Amino acid sequence: MKKIFSVLVVLTIISSVAFAGGIDNPASSSGVAVVKKGTTFRLYYKGNELGNVKVSIINDSKTVVFTETFHNVDGFVRPYNVSNLKEGVYTIEIADRGNRHLETIEVVKDRSEKLAHVLKVAGEEGKYLLTVSNKKSDDITVRIYDEDNNKIYDEVQSISTDFAKIYNLKKYNGTFTFEVTDSTGNTKKISH
């Protein structure tokens, strides 16, 4: 339901842009929107008349990494899977009937985040339980920071299954931030 609503909102915006532009200059009214979901970008295009539309993806070195042309269309929705592109900022250029529309996207590789949770141990002052879900052998680094962002604890744990440990922070006051980093650099921060 959320996905349908999002698509309807985007189409309404595109229609509004196309309609509003049609009042001032009907020859140049077209709407473009780019919606990101993971490593896929969905391009929404709506023009006011049939024509050819060229879509190009350009990297930050101004090199065209992908291009395609749609013939005799007045609108389309097209997904682009960019998981094979290097991380960085890219420009999507949409050219139609002498007009150019530029949209900027950022490609960031999906990093699987460790599932980590922190719970205050009931009935125990200053004790916190850290749990980390894990399916393979890995080294994790656990750091704990106080409310002034001073590191008060730092350790590396070699784990091969799920991890759980109780930390006694009774001698410190205030809130804490637990930071869990795996061997590939994926980090999760949990404030408690």
C-alpha atoms as a PDB file:
ATOM      1  CA  MET A   1       0.000   0.000   0.000  1.00  0.00           C
ATOM      2  CA  LYS A   2       2.881   2.369   0.840  1.00  0.00           C
ATOM      3  CA  LYS A   3       4.503   1.623  -2.541  1.00  0.00           C
ATOM      4  CA  ILE A   4       1.254   2.346  -4.429  1.00  0.00           C
ATOM      5  CA  PHE A   5       0.809   5.589  -2.500  1.00  0.00           C
ATOM      6  CA  SER A   6       4.400   6.650  -3.268  1.00  0.00           C
ATOM      7  CA  VAL A   7       3.917   5.995  -6.980  1.00  0.00           C
ATOM      8  CA  LEU A   8       0.639   7.951  -6.967  1.00  0.00           C
ATOM      9  CA  VAL A   9       2.310  10.895  -5.223  1.00  0.00           C
ATOM     10  CA  VAL A  10       5.179  10.925  -7.731  1.00  0.00           C
ATOM     11  CA  LEU A  11       2.776  10.723 -10.676  1.00  0.00           C
ATOM     12  CA  THR A  12       0.664  13.523  -9.195  1.00  0.00           C
ATOM     13  CA  ILE A  13       3.765  15.703  -8.839  1.00  0.00           C
ATOM     14  CA  ILE A  14       4.853  14.921 -12.392  1.00  0.00           C
ATOM     15  CA  SER A  15       1.352  15.683 -13.687  1.00  0.00           C
ATOM     16  CA  SER A  16       1.279  18.940 -11.720  1.00  0.00           C
ATOM     17  CA  VAL A  17       4.682  19.960 -13.070  1.00  0.00           C
ATOM     18  CA  ALA A  18       3.630  19.075 -16.618  1.00  0.00           C
ATOM     19  CA  PHE A  19       0.301  20.879 -16.267  1.00  0.00           C
ATOM     20  CA  ALA A  20       1.794  23.971 -14.605  1.00  0.00           C
ATOM     21  CA  GLY A  21       4.525  24.173 -17.227  1.00  0.00           C
ATOM     22  CA  GLY A  22       1.896  23.828 -19.961  1.00  0.00           C
ATOM     23  CA  ILE A  23       0.278  27.099 -18.947  1.00  0.00           C
ATOM     24  CA  ASP A  24       3.432  29.170 -19.520  1.00  0.00           C
ATOM     25  CA  ASN A  25       5.170  27.278 -22.293  1.00  0.00           C
ATOM     26  CA  PRO A  26       3.398  24.191 -23.647  1.00  0.00           C
ATOM     27  CA  ALA A  27       6.314  23.104 -25.864  1.00  0.00           C
ATOM     28  CA  SER A  28       8.718  22.602 -22.963  1.00  0.00           C
ATOM     29  CA  SER A  29       6.524  21.049 -20.330  1.00  0.00           C
ATOM     30  CA  SER A  30       7.704  17.652 -19.202  1.00  0.00           C
ATOM     31  CA  GLY A  31       8.164  16.137 -15.780  1.00  0.00           C
ATOM     32  CA  VAL A  32      10.998  14.014 -14.497  1.00  0.00           C
ATOM     33  CA  ALA A  33      11.400  12.303 -11.139  1.00  0.00           C
ATOM     34  CA  VAL A  34      13.927   9.796  -9.845  1.00  0.00           C
ATOM     35  CA  VAL A  35      13.089   7.556  -6.887  1.00  0.00           C
ATOM     36  CA  LYS A  36      15.798   5.443  -5.213  1.00  0.00           C
ATOM     37  CA  LYS A  37      15.242   2.068  -3.608  1.00  0.00           C
ATOM     38  CA  GLY A  38      18.413   0.212  -2.654  1.00  0.00           C
ATOM     39  CA  THR A  39      20.638  -0.058  -5.736  1.00  0.00           C
ATOM     40  CA  THR A  40      17.723   0.545  -8.102  1.00  0.00           C
ATOM     41  CA  PHE A  41      16.603   3.939  -9.341  1.00  0.00           C
ATOM     42  CA  ARG A  42      13.207   4.338 -10.950  1.00  0.00           C
ATOM     43  CA  LEU A  43      12.936   7.114 -13.553  1.00  0.00           C
ATOM     44  CA  TYR A  44       9.491   8.659 -14.080  1.00  0.00           C
ATOM     45  CA  TYR A  45       9.096  10.720 -17.236  1.00  0.00           C
ATOM     46  CA  LYS A  46       5.992  12.498 -18.522  1.00  0.00           C
ATOM     47  CA  GLY A  47       5.984  14.751 -21.588  1.00  0.00           C
ATOM     48  CA  ASN A  48       3.101  16.629 -23.165  1.00  0.00           C
ATOM     49  CA  GLU A  49       3.490  15.141 -26.658  1.00  0.00           C
ATOM     50  CA  LEU A  50       4.926  12.089 -28.404  1.00  0.00           C
ATOM     51  CA  GLY A  51       8.606  12.188 -29.228  1.00  0.00           C
ATOM     52  CA  ASN A  52      11.993  10.561 -28.766  1.00  0.00           C
ATOM     53  CA  VAL A  53      13.557  10.651 -25.316  1.00  0.00           C
ATOM     54  CA  LYS A  54      17.229   9.855 -24.703  1.00  0.00           C
ATOM     55  CA  VAL A  55      18.359   8.798 -21.230  1.00  0.00           C
ATOM     56  CA  SER A  56      22.070   8.822 -20.346  1.00  0.00           C
ATOM     57  CA  ILE A  57      23.839   7.995 -17.096  1.00  0.00           C
ATOM     58  CA  ILE A  58      27.088   9.945 -16.691  1.00  0.00           C
ATOM     59  CA  ASN A  59      29.750   9.396 -14.027  1.00  0.00           C
ATOM     60  CA  ASP A  60      31.619  12.148 -12.153  1.00  0.00           C
ATOM     61  CA  SER A  61      34.382  12.061 -14.818  1.00  0.00           C
ATOM     62  CA  LYS A  62      31.791  13.128 -17.424  1.00  0.00           C
ATOM     63  CA  THR A  63      31.915   9.685 -19.102  1.00  0.00           C
ATOM     64  CA  VAL A  64      28.626   8.211 -20.351  1.00  0.00           C
ATOM     65  CA  VAL A  65      28.298   4.776 -18.717  1.00  0.00           C
ATOM     66  CA  PHE A  66      24.844   3.960 -20.130  1.00  0.00           C
ATOM     67  CA  THR A  67      22.488   5.375 -22.733  1.00  0.00           C
ATOM     68  CA  GLU A  68      19.200   4.384 -24.315  1.00  0.00           C
ATOM     69  CA  THR A  69      16.552   6.065 -26.451  1.00  0.00           C
ATOM     70  CA  PHE A  70      12.788   5.675 -26.220  1.00  0.00           C
ATOM     71  CA  HIS A  71      11.047   6.278 -29.552  1.00  0.00           C
ATOM     72  CA  ASN A  72       7.677   7.978 -30.002  1.00  0.00           C
ATOM     73  CA  VAL A  73       6.678   8.136 -26.298  1.00  0.00           C
ATOM     74  CA  ASP A  74       5.030  10.768 -24.134  1.00  0.00           C
ATOM     75  CA  GLY A  75       5.808   9.076 -20.827  1.00  0.00           C
ATOM     76  CA  PHE A  76       7.362   6.047 -19.196  1.00  0.00           C
ATOM     77  CA  VAL A  77       8.576   4.558 -15.933  1.00  0.00           C
ATOM     78  CA  ARG A  78      11.930   2.778 -16.162  1.00  0.00           C
ATOM     79  CA  PRO A  79      13.962   1.072 -13.422  1.00  0.00           C
ATOM     80  CA  TYR A  80      17.759   1.205 -13.556  1.00  0.00           C
ATOM     81  CA  ASN A  81      19.780  -1.291 -11.534  1.00  0.00           C
ATOM     82  CA  VAL A  82      23.066   0.458 -10.723  1.00  0.00           C
ATOM     83  CA  SER A  83      24.564  -2.225  -8.473  1.00  0.00           C
ATOM     84  CA  ASN A  84      27.330  -2.875 -11.021  1.00  0.00           C
ATOM     85  CA  LEU A  85      28.454   0.779 -11.027  1.00  0.00           C
ATOM     86  CA  LYS A  86      31.236   2.040  -8.773  1.00  0.00           C
ATOM     87  CA  GLU A  87      30.204   4.076  -5.751  1.00  0.00           C
ATOM     88  CA  GLY A  88      29.950   7.765  -6.499  1.00  0.00           C
ATOM     89  CA  VAL A  89      27.773  10.564  -7.821  1.00  0.00           C
ATOM     90  CA  TYR A  90      26.163  10.143 -11.235  1.00  0.00           C
ATOM     91  CA  THR A  91      24.033  12.399 -13.407  1.00  0.00           C
ATOM     92  CA  ILE A  92      20.983  11.139 -15.251  1.00  0.00           C
ATOM     93  CA  GLU A  93      20.445  13.250 -18.360  1.00  0.00           C
ATOM     94  CA  ILE A  94      17.022  13.121 -20.027  1.00  0.00           C
ATOM     95  CA  ALA A  95      16.917  14.788 -23.459  1.00  0.00           C
ATOM     96  CA  ASP A  96      13.578  15.378 -25.210  1.00  0.00           C
ATOM     97  CA  ARG A  97      12.683  17.704 -28.120  1.00  0.00           C
ATOM     98  CA  GLY A  98      15.631  20.024 -27.522  1.00  0.00           C
ATOM     99  CA  ASN A  99      15.263  20.110 -23.724  1.00  0.00           C
ATOM    100  CA  ARG A 100      17.667  18.633 -21.175  1.00  0.00           C
ATOM    101  CA  HIS A 101      16.730  17.529 -17.664  1.00  0.00           C
ATOM    102  CA  LEU A 102      19.498  16.632 -15.217  1.00  0.00           C
ATOM    103  CA  GLU A 103      19.007  14.573 -12.077  1.00  0.00           C
ATOM    104  CA  THR A 104      21.821  13.674  -9.668  1.00  0.00           C
ATOM    105  CA  ILE A 105      21.972  10.260  -7.995  1.00  0.00           C
ATOM    106  CA  GLU A 106      24.425   8.733  -5.566  1.00  0.00           C
ATOM    107  CA  VAL A 107      25.390   5.082  -5.858  1.00  0.00           C
ATOM    108  CA  VAL A 108      26.252   3.513  -2.523  1.00  0.00           C
ATOM    109  CA  LYS A 109      26.849  -0.220  -2.286  1.00  0.00           C
ATOM    110  CA  ASP A 110      24.478  -2.085  -0.036  1.00  0.00           C
ATOM    111  CA  ARG A 111      26.229  -2.980   3.162  1.00  0.00           C
ATOM    112  CA  SER A 112      24.603  -5.668   5.185  1.00  0.00           C
ATOM    113  CA  GLU A 113      24.425  -4.280   8.669  1.00  0.00           C
ATOM    114  CA  LYS A 114      24.970  -6.529  11.646  1.00  0.00           C
ATOM    115  CA  LEU A 115      21.815  -6.990  13.651  1.00  0.00           C
ATOM    116  CA  ALA A 116      22.873  -5.693  17.047  1.00  0.00           C
ATOM    117  CA  HIS A 117      20.732  -4.792  20.041  1.00  0.00           C
ATOM    118  CA  VAL A 118      21.401  -3.336  23.470  1.00  0.00           C
ATOM    119  CA  LEU A 119      19.109  -3.919  26.451  1.00  0.00           C
ATOM    120  CA  LYS A 120      19.377  -2.587  29.977  1.00  0.00           C
ATOM    121  CA  VAL A 121      19.502  -5.589  32.310  1.00  0.00           C
ATOM    122  CA  ALA A 122      16.413  -5.460  34.515  1.00  0.00           C
ATOM    123  CA  GLY A 123      17.122  -5.088  38.221  1.00  0.00           C
ATOM    124  CA  GLU A 124      20.848  -4.497  37.666  1.00  0.00           C
ATOM    125  CA  GLU A 125      22.142  -0.949  37.935  1.00  0.00           C
ATOM    126  CA  GLY A 126      24.467   0.069  35.081  1.00  0.00           C
ATOM    127  CA  LYS A 127      24.462  -3.299  33.289  1.00  0.00           C
ATOM    128  CA  TYR A 128      23.715  -3.600  29.562  1.00  0.00           C
ATOM    129  CA  LEU A 129      23.342  -6.681  27.382  1.00  0.00           C
ATOM    130  CA  LEU A 130      24.754  -6.426  23.854  1.00  0.00           C
ATOM    131  CA  THR A 131      23.628  -9.074  21.340  1.00  0.00           C
ATOM    132  CA  VAL A 132      24.890  -9.436  17.761  1.00  0.00           C
ATOM    133  CA  SER A 133      23.332 -11.828  15.230  1.00  0.00           C
ATOM    134  CA  ASN A 134      25.968 -13.619  13.198  1.00  0.00           C
ATOM    135  CA  LYS A 135      25.992 -16.538  10.746  1.00  0.00           C
ATOM    136  CA  LYS A 136      29.715 -16.886   9.934  1.00  0.00           C
ATOM    137  CA  SER A 137      33.138 -16.474  11.516  1.00  0.00           C
ATOM    138  CA  ASP A 138      33.997 -12.814  11.884  1.00  0.00           C
ATOM    139  CA  ASP A 139      35.890 -10.378  14.049  1.00  0.00           C
ATOM    140  CA  ILE A 140      33.810  -7.605  15.543  1.00  0.00           C
ATOM    141  CA  THR A 141      35.009  -4.499  17.319  1.00  0.00           C
ATOM    142  CA  VAL A 142      32.889  -3.251  20.203  1.00  0.00           C
ATOM    143  CA  ARG A 143      33.363   0.330  21.332  1.00  0.00           C
ATOM    144  CA  ILE A 144      31.352   2.128  23.980  1.00  0.00           C
ATOM    145  CA  TYR A 145      31.181   5.918  24.250  1.00  0.00           C
ATOM    146  CA  ASP A 146      29.823   8.040  27.099  1.00  0.00           C
ATOM    147  CA  GLU A 147      27.384  10.921  26.605  1.00  0.00           C
ATOM    148  CA  ASP A 148      30.310  13.306  25.889  1.00  0.00           C
ATOM    149  CA  ASN A 149      31.451  10.937  23.097  1.00  0.00           C
ATOM    150  CA  ASN A 150      34.534   9.810  25.060  1.00  0.00           C
ATOM    151  CA  LYS A 151      35.513   6.206  24.334  1.00  0.00           C
ATOM    152  CA  ILE A 152      35.222   4.241  27.574  1.00  0.00           C
ATOM    153  CA  TYR A 153      35.563   0.707  26.182  1.00  0.00           C
ATOM    154  CA  ASP A 154      37.171  -0.925  23.128  1.00  0.00           C
ATOM    155  CA  GLU A 155      37.632  -4.625  22.342  1.00  0.00           C
ATOM    156  CA  VAL A 156      37.844  -7.035  19.399  1.00  0.00           C
ATOM    157  CA  GLN A 157      35.900 -10.292  19.611  1.00  0.00           C
ATOM    158  CA  SER A 158      36.336 -13.278  17.280  1.00  0.00           C
ATOM    159  CA  ILE A 159      32.899 -14.803  16.825  1.00  0.00           C
ATOM    160  CA  SER A 160      31.523 -17.703  14.784  1.00  0.00           C
ATOM    161  CA  THR A 161      27.888 -17.628  15.905  1.00  0.00           C
ATOM    162  CA  ASP A 162      25.599 -15.169  17.644  1.00  0.00           C
ATOM    163  CA  PHE A 163      27.331 -13.002  20.244  1.00  0.00           C
ATOM    164  CA  ALA A 164      26.043 -11.801  23.633  1.00  0.00           C
ATOM    165  CA  LYS A 165      27.839 -10.083  26.488  1.00  0.00           C
ATOM    166  CA  ILE A 166      26.860  -8.057  29.556  1.00  0.00           C
ATOM    167  CA  TYR A 167      28.780  -4.810  30.076  1.00  0.00           C
ATOM    168  CA  ASN A 168      28.994  -3.223  33.528  1.00  0.00           C
ATOM    169  CA  LEU A 169      28.927   0.565  33.126  1.00  0.00           C
ATOM    170  CA  LYS A 170      27.915   1.361  36.706  1.00  0.00           C
ATOM    171  CA  LYS A 171      30.835   3.736  37.260  1.00  0.00           C
ATOM    172  CA  TYR A 172      29.716   5.975  34.372  1.00  0.00           C
ATOM    173  CA  ASN A 173      26.728   8.314  34.334  1.00  0.00           C
ATOM    174  CA  GLY A 174      24.317   9.309  31.587  1.00  0.00           C
ATOM    175  CA  THR A 175      23.640   7.710  28.235  1.00  0.00           C
ATOM    176  CA  PHE A 176      25.906   5.453  26.225  1.00  0.00           C
ATOM    177  CA  THR A 177      26.515   4.646  22.572  1.00  0.00           C
ATOM    178  CA  PHE A 178      27.542   1.140  21.596  1.00  0.00           C
ATOM    179  CA  GLU A 179      29.370   0.861  18.266  1.00  0.00           C
ATOM    180  CA  VAL A 180      29.725  -2.563  16.610  1.00  0.00           C
ATOM    181  CA  THR A 181      31.995  -2.866  13.540  1.00  0.00           C
ATOM    182  CA  ASP A 182      32.597  -6.064  11.571  1.00  0.00           C
ATOM    183  CA  SER A 183      35.715  -7.059   9.616  1.00  0.00           C
ATOM    184  CA  THR A 184      34.405  -5.454   6.392  1.00  0.00           C
ATOM    185  CA  GLY A 185      33.911  -2.067   8.056  1.00  0.00           C
ATOM    186  CA  ASN A 186      30.120  -2.205   8.452  1.00  0.00           C
ATOM    187  CA  THR A 187      29.205  -0.286  11.591  1.00  0.00           C
ATOM    188  CA  LYS A 188      26.079  -0.073  13.686  1.00  0.00           C
ATOM    189  CA  LYS A 189      25.648   2.483  16.478  1.00  0.00           C
ATOM    190  CA  ILE A 190      23.097   2.029  19.227  1.00  0.00           C
ATOM    191  CA  SER A 191      22.405   4.682  21.835  1.00  0.00           C
ATOM    192  CA  HIS A 192      21.000   3.701  25.186  1.00  0.00           C
END
